[in-house]
Amino acid sequence: MTKPHRGDAISLAIDDLAFGGEGVGRVNGYVIFVRGGLPGDRLKVRVVEARARFGRAVIESIEAPSPDRIEAPCPYFGRCGGCRLQHLAYPAQLAFKEKQVRDCLERLGGLPPFELRPILPAPEDYGYRNKM
């Protein structure tokens, strides 16, 4: 398969999360970002944007959910835009955030390998955020 085109429906395995929380999948090396996709998901998606180096797609259906996928507790999740990872189990959120910090310091900051202390979880998973 060549690079997907706008309007194509494809089956996509999500293997990573981008900085903004979008799922990242690849088709023959071509990167596709999917809002709401989680690492470990197998999704049926429709390509809505196809640029030279990456594309964007929307979820049509979840063929096989990630083991870290949970039901978001907020009834407005996905519509208001305030929380992007409520559907990701909290321990997996912490691991993702730790990976982001390490990536920023090593890859972007050029630091040599270092010891990164684990992120301390909040006492309450919800109800502590100061912005909505």
C-alpha atoms as a PDB file:
ATOM      1  CA  MET A   1       0.000   0.000   0.000  1.00  0.00           C
ATOM      2  CA  THR A   2       1.271   3.464  -0.862  1.00  0.00           C
ATOM      3  CA  LYS A   3       0.714   6.552   1.236  1.00  0.00           C
ATOM      4  CA  PRO A   4      -2.970   6.750   2.261  1.00  0.00           C
ATOM      5  CA  HIS A   5      -5.114   9.427   0.671  1.00  0.00           C
ATOM      6  CA  ARG A   6      -7.813  11.622   2.149  1.00  0.00           C
ATOM      7  CA  GLY A   7     -11.017   9.611   2.536  1.00  0.00           C
ATOM      8  CA  ASP A   8      -9.277   6.210   2.741  1.00  0.00           C
ATOM      9  CA  ALA A   9     -10.516   3.822   5.436  1.00  0.00           C
ATOM     10  CA  ILE A  10      -7.693   1.761   6.922  1.00  0.00           C
ATOM     11  CA  SER A  11      -7.001  -0.544   9.833  1.00  0.00           C
ATOM     12  CA  LEU A  12      -4.307   0.993  12.009  1.00  0.00           C
ATOM     13  CA  ALA A  13      -2.355  -0.152  15.060  1.00  0.00           C
ATOM     14  CA  ILE A  14      -1.528   2.683  17.455  1.00  0.00           C
ATOM     15  CA  ASP A  15       1.959   2.321  18.895  1.00  0.00           C
ATOM     16  CA  ASP A  16       2.697   5.638  20.602  1.00  0.00           C
ATOM     17  CA  LEU A  17       1.270   8.937  21.830  1.00  0.00           C
ATOM     18  CA  ALA A  18       2.273  12.302  20.404  1.00  0.00           C
ATOM     19  CA  PHE A  19       2.994  15.290  22.626  1.00  0.00           C
ATOM     20  CA  GLY A  20      -0.600  16.602  22.484  1.00  0.00           C
ATOM     21  CA  GLY A  21      -2.083  13.201  23.374  1.00  0.00           C
ATOM     22  CA  GLU A  22      -2.968  11.998  19.873  1.00  0.00           C
ATOM     23  CA  GLY A  23      -2.358   8.357  19.036  1.00  0.00           C
ATOM     24  CA  VAL A  24       0.420   7.644  16.544  1.00  0.00           C
ATOM     25  CA  GLY A  25       0.182   4.841  14.002  1.00  0.00           C
ATOM     26  CA  ARG A  26       2.213   4.021  10.928  1.00  0.00           C
ATOM     27  CA  VAL A  27       1.368   2.616   7.507  1.00  0.00           C
ATOM     28  CA  ASN A  28       4.514   1.617   5.597  1.00  0.00           C
ATOM     29  CA  GLY A  29       6.474   4.213   7.582  1.00  0.00           C
ATOM     30  CA  TYR A  30       3.924   6.977   6.945  1.00  0.00           C
ATOM     31  CA  VAL A  31       2.837   8.537  10.260  1.00  0.00           C
ATOM     32  CA  ILE A  32      -0.860   8.999  11.015  1.00  0.00           C
ATOM     33  CA  PHE A  33      -2.104  10.925  14.066  1.00  0.00           C
ATOM     34  CA  VAL A  34      -5.444   9.871  15.531  1.00  0.00           C
ATOM     35  CA  ARG A  35      -7.189  11.875  18.246  1.00  0.00           C
ATOM     36  CA  GLY A  36      -8.506   9.437  20.853  1.00  0.00           C
ATOM     37  CA  GLY A  37      -6.182   6.610  19.810  1.00  0.00           C
ATOM     38  CA  LEU A  38      -4.126   4.884  22.501  1.00  0.00           C
ATOM     39  CA  PRO A  39      -1.016   2.691  22.293  1.00  0.00           C
ATOM     40  CA  GLY A  40      -2.195  -0.889  21.917  1.00  0.00           C
ATOM     41  CA  ASP A  41      -5.409   0.027  20.073  1.00  0.00           C
ATOM     42  CA  ARG A  42      -6.259  -1.509  16.710  1.00  0.00           C
ATOM     43  CA  LEU A  43      -8.593   0.975  15.021  1.00  0.00           C
ATOM     44  CA  LYS A  44     -10.527   1.381  11.820  1.00  0.00           C
ATOM     45  CA  VAL A  45      -9.872   4.989  10.840  1.00  0.00           C
ATOM     46  CA  ARG A  46     -10.741   7.361   8.008  1.00  0.00           C
ATOM     47  CA  VAL A  47      -7.964   9.635   6.752  1.00  0.00           C
ATOM     48  CA  VAL A  48      -9.091  13.284   6.889  1.00  0.00           C
ATOM     49  CA  GLU A  49      -5.765  14.943   6.077  1.00  0.00           C
ATOM     50  CA  ALA A  50      -2.843  13.560   4.056  1.00  0.00           C
ATOM     51  CA  ARG A  51       0.280  15.703   3.934  1.00  0.00           C
ATOM     52  CA  ALA A  52       3.667  14.793   2.527  1.00  0.00           C
ATOM     53  CA  ARG A  53       5.181  13.536   5.808  1.00  0.00           C
ATOM     54  CA  PHE A  54       2.155  12.741   7.987  1.00  0.00           C
ATOM     55  CA  GLY A  55      -1.596  12.430   8.006  1.00  0.00           C
ATOM     56  CA  ARG A  56      -4.513  12.740  10.404  1.00  0.00           C
ATOM     57  CA  ALA A  57      -7.425  10.378  10.776  1.00  0.00           C
ATOM     58  CA  VAL A  58     -10.608   9.988  12.812  1.00  0.00           C
ATOM     59  CA  ILE A  59     -11.745   6.807  14.509  1.00  0.00           C
ATOM     60  CA  GLU A  60     -14.593   4.971  12.801  1.00  0.00           C
ATOM     61  CA  SER A  61     -14.479   1.958  15.121  1.00  0.00           C
ATOM     62  CA  ILE A  62     -12.278   0.254  17.680  1.00  0.00           C
ATOM     63  CA  GLU A  63     -11.372  -3.195  16.366  1.00  0.00           C
ATOM     64  CA  ALA A  64      -9.343  -4.180  19.463  1.00  0.00           C
ATOM     65  CA  PRO A  65      -9.001  -1.807  22.441  1.00  0.00           C
ATOM     66  CA  SER A  66      -5.756  -1.138  24.254  1.00  0.00           C
ATOM     67  CA  PRO A  67      -5.444  -2.918  27.615  1.00  0.00           C
ATOM     68  CA  ASP A  68      -4.985   0.579  29.101  1.00  0.00           C
ATOM     69  CA  ARG A  69      -8.237   1.935  27.621  1.00  0.00           C
ATOM     70  CA  ILE A  70     -10.897   2.734  30.240  1.00  0.00           C
ATOM     71  CA  GLU A  71     -14.303   4.378  30.171  1.00  0.00           C
ATOM     72  CA  ALA A  72     -13.820   8.122  30.682  1.00  0.00           C
ATOM     73  CA  PRO A  73     -15.627   9.226  33.864  1.00  0.00           C
ATOM     74  CA  CYS A  74     -16.662  12.626  32.486  1.00  0.00           C
ATOM     75  CA  PRO A  75     -19.822  12.676  30.359  1.00  0.00           C
ATOM     76  CA  TYR A  76     -18.337  15.550  28.303  1.00  0.00           C
ATOM     77  CA  PHE A  77     -15.038  13.817  27.506  1.00  0.00           C
ATOM     78  CA  GLY A  78     -14.164  14.172  23.845  1.00  0.00           C
ATOM     79  CA  ARG A  79     -16.502  17.114  23.302  1.00  0.00           C
ATOM     80  CA  CYS A  80     -15.266  19.914  25.568  1.00  0.00           C
ATOM     81  CA  GLY A  81     -11.548  19.465  24.858  1.00  0.00           C
ATOM     82  CA  GLY A  82     -10.394  20.056  28.440  1.00  0.00           C
ATOM     83  CA  CYS A  83      -9.005  16.592  29.151  1.00  0.00           C
ATOM     84  CA  ARG A  84      -7.315  14.547  26.463  1.00  0.00           C
ATOM     85  CA  LEU A  85      -6.371  11.354  28.271  1.00  0.00           C
ATOM     86  CA  GLN A  86      -9.292  10.483  30.557  1.00  0.00           C
ATOM     87  CA  HIS A  87      -9.782   7.280  28.574  1.00  0.00           C
ATOM     88  CA  LEU A  88      -6.226   6.154  29.451  1.00  0.00           C
ATOM     89  CA  ALA A  89      -5.692   4.346  32.775  1.00  0.00           C
ATOM     90  CA  TYR A  90      -3.922   6.586  35.292  1.00  0.00           C
ATOM     91  CA  PRO A  91      -0.750   4.441  35.642  1.00  0.00           C
ATOM     92  CA  ALA A  92      -0.371   4.539  31.842  1.00  0.00           C
ATOM     93  CA  GLN A  93      -0.858   8.338  31.914  1.00  0.00           C
ATOM     94  CA  LEU A  94       2.013   8.624  34.392  1.00  0.00           C
ATOM     95  CA  ALA A  95       4.249   6.426  32.231  1.00  0.00           C
ATOM     96  CA  PHE A  96       3.408   8.521  29.157  1.00  0.00           C
ATOM     97  CA  LYS A  97       4.206  11.765  30.969  1.00  0.00           C
ATOM     98  CA  GLU A  98       7.504  10.346  32.237  1.00  0.00           C
ATOM     99  CA  LYS A  99       8.379   9.301  28.673  1.00  0.00           C
ATOM    100  CA  GLN A 100       7.583  12.831  27.454  1.00  0.00           C
ATOM    101  CA  VAL A 101       9.890  14.414  30.031  1.00  0.00           C
ATOM    102  CA  ARG A 102      12.713  12.001  29.190  1.00  0.00           C
ATOM    103  CA  ASP A 103      12.229  12.582  25.455  1.00  0.00           C
ATOM    104  CA  CYS A 104      12.260  16.376  25.844  1.00  0.00           C
ATOM    105  CA  LEU A 105      15.431  16.357  27.929  1.00  0.00           C
ATOM    106  CA  GLU A 106      17.372  13.753  25.916  1.00  0.00           C
ATOM    107  CA  ARG A 107      16.248  14.263  22.334  1.00  0.00           C
ATOM    108  CA  LEU A 108      15.350  17.958  22.314  1.00  0.00           C
ATOM    109  CA  GLY A 109      17.636  19.161  25.101  1.00  0.00           C
ATOM    110  CA  GLY A 110      20.618  17.039  24.062  1.00  0.00           C
ATOM    111  CA  LEU A 111      21.297  15.764  27.575  1.00  0.00           C
ATOM    112  CA  PRO A 112      23.207  12.503  27.955  1.00  0.00           C
ATOM    113  CA  PRO A 113      21.399   9.569  29.625  1.00  0.00           C
ATOM    114  CA  PHE A 114      20.456  10.436  33.201  1.00  0.00           C
ATOM    115  CA  GLU A 115      18.468   9.137  36.158  1.00  0.00           C
ATOM    116  CA  LEU A 116      14.878  10.331  36.020  1.00  0.00           C
ATOM    117  CA  ARG A 117      12.910   9.913  39.193  1.00  0.00           C
ATOM    118  CA  PRO A 118       9.429   8.463  38.721  1.00  0.00           C
ATOM    119  CA  ILE A 119       6.476  10.819  38.574  1.00  0.00           C
ATOM    120  CA  LEU A 120       4.580  10.833  41.852  1.00  0.00           C
ATOM    121  CA  PRO A 121       0.896  10.080  41.366  1.00  0.00           C
ATOM    122  CA  ALA A 122      -1.713  12.481  42.656  1.00  0.00           C
ATOM    123  CA  PRO A 123      -3.603  11.259  45.749  1.00  0.00           C
ATOM    124  CA  GLU A 124      -6.856  11.599  43.782  1.00  0.00           C
ATOM    125  CA  ASP A 125      -7.050  10.739  40.085  1.00  0.00           C
ATOM    126  CA  TYR A 126      -9.731  13.382  39.484  1.00  0.00           C
ATOM    127  CA  GLY A 127     -10.981  16.576  41.055  1.00  0.00           C
ATOM    128  CA  TYR A 128      -7.633  18.293  41.583  1.00  0.00           C
ATOM    129  CA  ARG A 129      -7.197  20.056  38.245  1.00  0.00           C
ATOM    130  CA  ASN A 130      -7.246  23.829  38.354  1.00  0.00           C
ATOM    131  CA  LYS A 131      -8.338  24.459  34.728  1.00  0.00           C
ATOM    132  CA  MET A 132     -11.243  23.295  32.653  1.00  0.00           C
END
